[in-house]
C-alpha atoms as a PDB file:
ATOM      1  CA  UNK A   1     124.393 116.615 114.123  1.00  0.00           C
ATOM      2  CA  UNK A   2     125.982 120.025 113.674  1.00  0.00           C
ATOM      3  CA  UNK A   3     124.150 123.227 113.356  1.00  0.00           C
ATOM      4  CA  UNK A   4     124.550 123.201 109.521  1.00  0.00           C
ATOM      5  CA  UNK A   5     122.410 120.077 109.180  1.00  0.00           C
ATOM      6  CA  UNK A   6     125.363 117.705 108.409  1.00  0.00           C
ATOM      7  CA  UNK A   7     126.403 114.439 110.035  1.00  0.00           C
ATOM      8  CA  UNK A   8     129.981 113.282 109.328  1.00  0.00           C
ATOM      9  CA  UNK A   9     130.157 115.216 106.094  1.00  0.00           C
ATOM     10  CA  UNK A  10     126.710 114.228 104.773  1.00  0.00           C
ATOM     11  CA  UNK A  11     123.705 116.476 104.630  1.00  0.00           C
ATOM     12  CA  UNK A  12     120.693 115.232 106.540  1.00  0.00           C
ATOM     13  CA  UNK A  13     117.514 116.165 104.766  1.00  0.00           C
ATOM     14  CA  UNK A  14     114.917 117.834 106.872  1.00  0.00           C
ATOM     15  CA  UNK A  15     111.655 115.847 106.975  1.00  0.00           C
ATOM     16  CA  UNK A  16     108.701 117.946 107.548  1.00  0.00           C
ATOM     17  CA  UNK A  17     105.380 116.202 108.231  1.00  0.00           C
ATOM     18  CA  UNK A  18     102.591 116.800 105.878  1.00  0.00           C
ATOM     19  CA  UNK A  19     100.096 118.960 107.764  1.00  0.00           C
ATOM     20  CA  UNK A  20      96.427 118.085 108.210  1.00  0.00           C
ATOM     21  CA  UNK A  21      93.709 120.602 107.382  1.00  0.00           C
ATOM     22  CA  UNK A  22      91.429 121.878 110.016  1.00  0.00           C
ATOM     23  CA  UNK A  23      88.034 120.448 108.677  1.00  0.00           C
ATOM     24  CA  UNK A  24      86.919 117.712 106.301  1.00  0.00           C
ATOM     25  CA  UNK A  25      86.466 118.901 102.752  1.00  0.00           C
ATOM     26  CA  UNK A  26      88.628 121.994 103.033  1.00  0.00           C
ATOM     27  CA  UNK A  27      91.025 120.607 100.448  1.00  0.00           C
ATOM     28  CA  UNK A  28      90.851 117.249  98.563  1.00  0.00           C
ATOM     29  CA  UNK A  29      93.818 116.179  96.561  1.00  0.00           C
ATOM     30  CA  UNK A  30      93.110 114.316  93.252  1.00  0.00           C
ATOM     31  CA  UNK A  31      95.446 112.595  90.974  1.00  0.00           C
ATOM     32  CA  UNK A  32      95.623 109.675  88.520  1.00  0.00           C
ATOM     33  CA  UNK A  33      97.715 106.547  88.662  1.00  0.00           C
ATOM     34  CA  UNK A  34      98.186 104.311  85.650  1.00  0.00           C
ATOM     35  CA  UNK A  35      97.746 100.526  86.267  1.00  0.00           C
ATOM     36  CA  UNK A  36      97.943  97.392  84.092  1.00  0.00           C
ATOM     37  CA  UNK A  37      95.114  94.848  84.184  1.00  0.00           C
ATOM     38  CA  UNK A  38      96.066  91.798  82.134  1.00  0.00           C
ATOM     39  CA  UNK A  39      97.180  93.206  78.753  1.00  0.00           C
ATOM     40  CA  UNK A  40      95.369  96.511  79.054  1.00  0.00           C
ATOM     41  CA  UNK A  41      96.070  99.816  80.781  1.00  0.00           C
ATOM     42  CA  UNK A  42      93.627 101.602  83.054  1.00  0.00           C
ATOM     43  CA  UNK A  43      93.494 104.746  85.120  1.00  0.00           C
ATOM     44  CA  UNK A  44      93.002 104.789  88.908  1.00  0.00           C
ATOM     45  CA  UNK A  45      91.604 108.142  89.954  1.00  0.00           C
ATOM     46  CA  UNK A  46      92.413 108.872  93.640  1.00  0.00           C
ATOM     47  CA  UNK A  47      91.041 111.517  95.946  1.00  0.00           C
ATOM     48  CA  UNK A  48      92.235 112.038  99.467  1.00  0.00           C
ATOM     49  CA  UNK A  49      90.895 114.554 101.992  1.00  0.00           C
ATOM     50  CA  UNK A  50      93.653 116.612 103.574  1.00  0.00           C
ATOM     51  CA  UNK A  51      92.024 116.521 106.996  1.00  0.00           C
ATOM     52  CA  UNK A  52      90.793 112.997 107.479  1.00  0.00           C
ATOM     53  CA  UNK A  53      92.802 111.091 104.943  1.00  0.00           C
ATOM     54  CA  UNK A  54      89.466 109.619 103.757  1.00  0.00           C
ATOM     55  CA  UNK A  55      89.813 108.290 100.213  1.00  0.00           C
ATOM     56  CA  UNK A  56      87.778 107.637  97.147  1.00  0.00           C
ATOM     57  CA  UNK A  57      89.164 105.402  94.401  1.00  0.00           C
ATOM     58  CA  UNK A  58      87.662 104.700  90.986  1.00  0.00           C
ATOM     59  CA  UNK A  59      88.972 102.840  87.993  1.00  0.00           C
ATOM     60  CA  UNK A  60      88.438 104.037  84.379  1.00  0.00           C
ATOM     61  CA  UNK A  61      89.508 102.464  81.062  1.00  0.00           C
ATOM     62  CA  UNK A  62      90.639 105.772  79.582  1.00  0.00           C
ATOM     63  CA  UNK A  63      92.158 108.970  80.737  1.00  0.00           C
ATOM     64  CA  UNK A  64      90.018 111.763  79.370  1.00  0.00           C
ATOM     65  CA  UNK A  65      87.785 114.720  80.228  1.00  0.00           C
ATOM     66  CA  UNK A  66      84.723 112.524  80.583  1.00  0.00           C
ATOM     67  CA  UNK A  67      86.440 110.174  83.082  1.00  0.00           C
ATOM     68  CA  UNK A  68      87.671 113.102  85.100  1.00  0.00           C
ATOM     69  CA  UNK A  69      84.221 114.722  85.261  1.00  0.00           C
ATOM     70  CA  UNK A  70      82.570 111.402  86.134  1.00  0.00           C
ATOM     71  CA  UNK A  71      85.153 110.916  88.912  1.00  0.00           C
ATOM     72  CA  UNK A  72      84.344 114.362  90.467  1.00  0.00           C
ATOM     73  CA  UNK A  73      80.666 113.373  90.290  1.00  0.00           C
ATOM     74  CA  UNK A  74      81.379 110.001  92.036  1.00  0.00           C
ATOM     75  CA  UNK A  75      83.622 111.805  94.553  1.00  0.00           C
ATOM     76  CA  UNK A  76      80.788 114.223  95.517  1.00  0.00           C
ATOM     77  CA  UNK A  77      78.469 111.268  96.052  1.00  0.00           C
ATOM     78  CA  UNK A  78      80.988 109.167  97.954  1.00  0.00           C
ATOM     79  CA  UNK A  79      82.341 111.691 100.383  1.00  0.00           C
ATOM     80  CA  UNK A  80      80.262 112.138 103.508  1.00  0.00           C
ATOM     81  CA  UNK A  81      81.043 115.868 103.559  1.00  0.00           C
ATOM     82  CA  UNK A  82      81.000 118.838 101.242  1.00  0.00           C
ATOM     83  CA  UNK A  83      84.114 119.554  99.078  1.00  0.00           C
ATOM     84  CA  UNK A  84      85.353 123.245  99.410  1.00  0.00           C
ATOM     85  CA  UNK A  85      88.432 122.891  97.123  1.00  0.00           C
ATOM     86  CA  UNK A  86      89.948 120.300  94.799  1.00  0.00           C
ATOM     87  CA  UNK A  87      93.725 120.357  94.208  1.00  0.00           C
ATOM     88  CA  UNK A  88      95.205 118.758  91.096  1.00  0.00           C
ATOM     89  CA  UNK A  89      98.314 118.830  89.038  1.00  0.00           C
ATOM     90  CA  UNK A  90      98.052 120.335  85.565  1.00  0.00           C
ATOM     91  CA  UNK A  91      98.133 116.944  83.743  1.00  0.00           C
ATOM     92  CA  UNK A  92      95.943 116.129  80.830  1.00  0.00           C
ATOM     93  CA  UNK A  93      93.123 114.713  82.922  1.00  0.00           C
ATOM     94  CA  UNK A  94      92.614 118.111  84.619  1.00  0.00           C
ATOM     95  CA  UNK A  95      92.279 120.565  81.664  1.00  0.00           C
ATOM     96  CA  UNK A  96      90.865 124.003  81.811  1.00  0.00           C
ATOM     97  CA  UNK A  97      87.469 122.585  80.885  1.00  0.00           C
ATOM     98  CA  UNK A  98      87.764 120.316  83.947  1.00  0.00           C
ATOM     99  CA  UNK A  99      88.668 123.329  86.149  1.00  0.00           C
ATOM    100  CA  UNK A 100      85.610 125.333  84.816  1.00  0.00           C
ATOM    101  CA  UNK A 101      83.261 122.328  85.388  1.00  0.00           C
ATOM    102  CA  UNK A 102      84.467 121.889  88.971  1.00  0.00           C
ATOM    103  CA  UNK A 103      84.053 125.565  89.694  1.00  0.00           C
ATOM    104  CA  UNK A 104      80.622 125.555  88.110  1.00  0.00           C
ATOM    105  CA  UNK A 105      79.677 122.891  90.691  1.00  0.00           C
ATOM    106  CA  UNK A 106      80.610 125.313  93.441  1.00  0.00           C
ATOM    107  CA  UNK A 107      84.003 123.802  94.253  1.00  0.00           C
ATOM    108  CA  UNK A 108      87.132 125.853  94.147  1.00  0.00           C
ATOM    109  CA  UNK A 109      89.974 124.370  92.091  1.00  0.00           C
ATOM    110  CA  UNK A 110      93.719 124.853  92.572  1.00  0.00           C
ATOM    111  CA  UNK A 111      96.364 123.679  90.179  1.00  0.00           C
ATOM    112  CA  UNK A 112      99.780 122.752  91.498  1.00  0.00           C
ATOM    113  CA  UNK A 113     101.689 124.128  88.499  1.00  0.00           C
ATOM    114  CA  UNK A 114     105.114 122.586  89.008  1.00  0.00           C
ATOM    115  CA  UNK A 115     106.080 119.788  91.362  1.00  0.00           C
ATOM    116  CA  UNK A 116     109.824 119.291  91.503  1.00  0.00           C
ATOM    117  CA  UNK A 117     111.002 115.608  91.286  1.00  0.00           C
ATOM    118  CA  UNK A 118     111.327 113.906  94.667  1.00  0.00           C
ATOM    119  CA  UNK A 119     109.618 116.876  96.396  1.00  0.00           C
ATOM    120  CA  UNK A 120     106.001 115.787  96.717  1.00  0.00           C
ATOM    121  CA  UNK A 121     105.089 118.180  99.549  1.00  0.00           C
ATOM    122  CA  UNK A 122     102.438 119.991  97.429  1.00  0.00           C
ATOM    123  CA  UNK A 123     100.557 116.768  96.541  1.00  0.00           C
ATOM    124  CA  UNK A 124     102.289 114.439  99.043  1.00  0.00           C
ATOM    125  CA  UNK A 125      99.212 112.771 100.458  1.00  0.00           C
ATOM    126  CA  UNK A 126      97.852 111.522  97.140  1.00  0.00           C
ATOM    127  CA  UNK A 127     101.361 110.562  95.943  1.00  0.00           C
ATOM    128  CA  UNK A 128     101.938 108.653  99.166  1.00  0.00           C
ATOM    129  CA  UNK A 129      98.502 106.877  98.602  1.00  0.00           C
ATOM    130  CA  UNK A 130      99.595 105.777  95.191  1.00  0.00           C
ATOM    131  CA  UNK A 131     102.744 104.221  96.603  1.00  0.00           C
ATOM    132  CA  UNK A 132     100.614 102.459  99.231  1.00  0.00           C
ATOM    133  CA  UNK A 133      98.172 101.260  96.578  1.00  0.00           C
ATOM    134  CA  UNK A 134     100.972  99.884  94.484  1.00  0.00           C
ATOM    135  CA  UNK A 135     102.613  98.009  97.367  1.00  0.00           C
ATOM    136  CA  UNK A 136      99.520  96.705  99.232  1.00  0.00           C
ATOM    137  CA  UNK A 137      96.946  96.332  96.383  1.00  0.00           C
ATOM    138  CA  UNK A 138      98.287  96.262  92.793  1.00  0.00           C
ATOM    139  CA  UNK A 139     101.520  94.309  93.144  1.00  0.00           C
ATOM    140  CA  UNK A 140     100.172  91.436  95.318  1.00  0.00           C
ATOM    141  CA  UNK A 141      97.121  90.840  93.079  1.00  0.00           C
ATOM    142  CA  UNK A 142      96.275  90.085  89.536  1.00  0.00           C
ATOM    143  CA  UNK A 143      92.911  90.532  87.961  1.00  0.00           C
ATOM    144  CA  UNK A 144      91.415  88.771  84.941  1.00  0.00           C
ATOM    145  CA  UNK A 145      89.152  91.582  83.897  1.00  0.00           C
ATOM    146  CA  UNK A 146      88.597  95.285  84.355  1.00  0.00           C
ATOM    147  CA  UNK A 147      85.380  94.669  86.178  1.00  0.00           C
ATOM    148  CA  UNK A 148      87.171  92.335  88.663  1.00  0.00           C
ATOM    149  CA  UNK A 149      89.818  94.937  89.312  1.00  0.00           C
ATOM    150  CA  UNK A 150      87.238  97.725  89.750  1.00  0.00           C
ATOM    151  CA  UNK A 151      85.268  95.684  92.308  1.00  0.00           C
ATOM    152  CA  UNK A 152      88.460  94.748  94.258  1.00  0.00           C
ATOM    153  CA  UNK A 153      89.539  98.387  94.164  1.00  0.00           C
ATOM    154  CA  UNK A 154      86.256  99.376  95.855  1.00  0.00           C
ATOM    155  CA  UNK A 155      86.781  96.747  98.525  1.00  0.00           C
ATOM    156  CA  UNK A 156      90.341  98.105  98.969  1.00  0.00           C
ATOM    157  CA  UNK A 157      88.969 101.599  99.401  1.00  0.00           C
ATOM    158  CA  UNK A 158      86.657 100.432 102.160  1.00  0.00           C
ATOM    159  CA  UNK A 159      89.463  98.547 103.823  1.00  0.00           C
ATOM    160  CA  UNK A 160      91.745 101.653 103.712  1.00  0.00           C
ATOM    161  CA  UNK A 161      89.136 104.018 105.090  1.00  0.00           C
ATOM    162  CA  UNK A 162      87.628 101.762 107.781  1.00  0.00           C
ATOM    163  CA  UNK A 163      90.259  99.228 108.882  1.00  0.00           C
ATOM    164  CA  UNK A 164      93.786 100.351 108.022  1.00  0.00           C
ATOM    165  CA  UNK A 165      95.224 102.592 110.662  1.00  0.00           C
ATOM    166  CA  UNK A 166      97.334 105.553 109.771  1.00  0.00           C
ATOM    167  CA  UNK A 167     100.451 106.678 111.564  1.00  0.00           C
ATOM    168  CA  UNK A 168      99.779 110.268 110.428  1.00  0.00           C
ATOM    169  CA  UNK A 169      96.430 110.061 112.152  1.00  0.00           C
ATOM    170  CA  UNK A 170      98.101 108.726 115.363  1.00  0.00           C
ATOM    171  CA  UNK A 171      96.918 105.140 114.864  1.00  0.00           C
ATOM    172  CA  UNK A 172      93.366 105.978 113.840  1.00  0.00           C
ATOM    173  CA  UNK A 173      91.553 105.076 110.656  1.00  0.00           C
ATOM    174  CA  UNK A 174      90.301 107.822 108.370  1.00  0.00           C
ATOM    175  CA  UNK A 175      86.692 106.716 109.196  1.00  0.00           C
ATOM    176  CA  UNK A 176      87.480 107.040 112.893  1.00  0.00           C
ATOM    177  CA  UNK A 177      88.996 110.563 112.326  1.00  0.00           C
ATOM    178  CA  UNK A 178      85.873 111.599 110.336  1.00  0.00           C
ATOM    179  CA  UNK A 179      83.622 110.250 113.190  1.00  0.00           C
ATOM    180  CA  UNK A 180      85.423 112.454 115.607  1.00  0.00           C
ATOM    181  CA  UNK A 181      84.631 115.545 113.528  1.00  0.00           C
ATOM    182  CA  UNK A 182      81.008 114.523 113.221  1.00  0.00           C
ATOM    183  CA  UNK A 183      80.751 113.967 116.959  1.00  0.00           C
ATOM    184  CA  UNK A 184      82.291 117.365 117.679  1.00  0.00           C
ATOM    185  CA  UNK A 185      79.867 119.179 115.231  1.00  0.00           C
END
């Protein structure tokens, strides 16, 4: 490779690793993935902690303000640590009313105003999770009902957090990384 970042006339993209935060709950990325269950569409809300990669997944039949607020409520109950900041894109699920409701609960909110195509560094962890969910959960399985999909998604969340190791966490699971923080505290 030459100093200008080219190999044999082709530019080699620099790949920077997505950094980990210093403590659990410092920043939690939240986004929505649309999925198909039988003939209907549903919304998978995904939250991932920037520090531990611990995730919370919930399925909703509609994308609206009520679903978004319920997800934040579920997120606060499911995470074993306090949330300092939530980071979202500025999609329709995360309106100004959503931002105000989150901040009223004592959680800072940060919008990622513009994410350039093929440049997910600002919300890379949650986007990467959506790709993993698609490849390892949604594509290999079919679900007859919304309730069956929601139950299976909860089991997938548990598997991801407790059994599936992460290369980004040096072979540990999110639950193991979280346990290390709890032991150090």
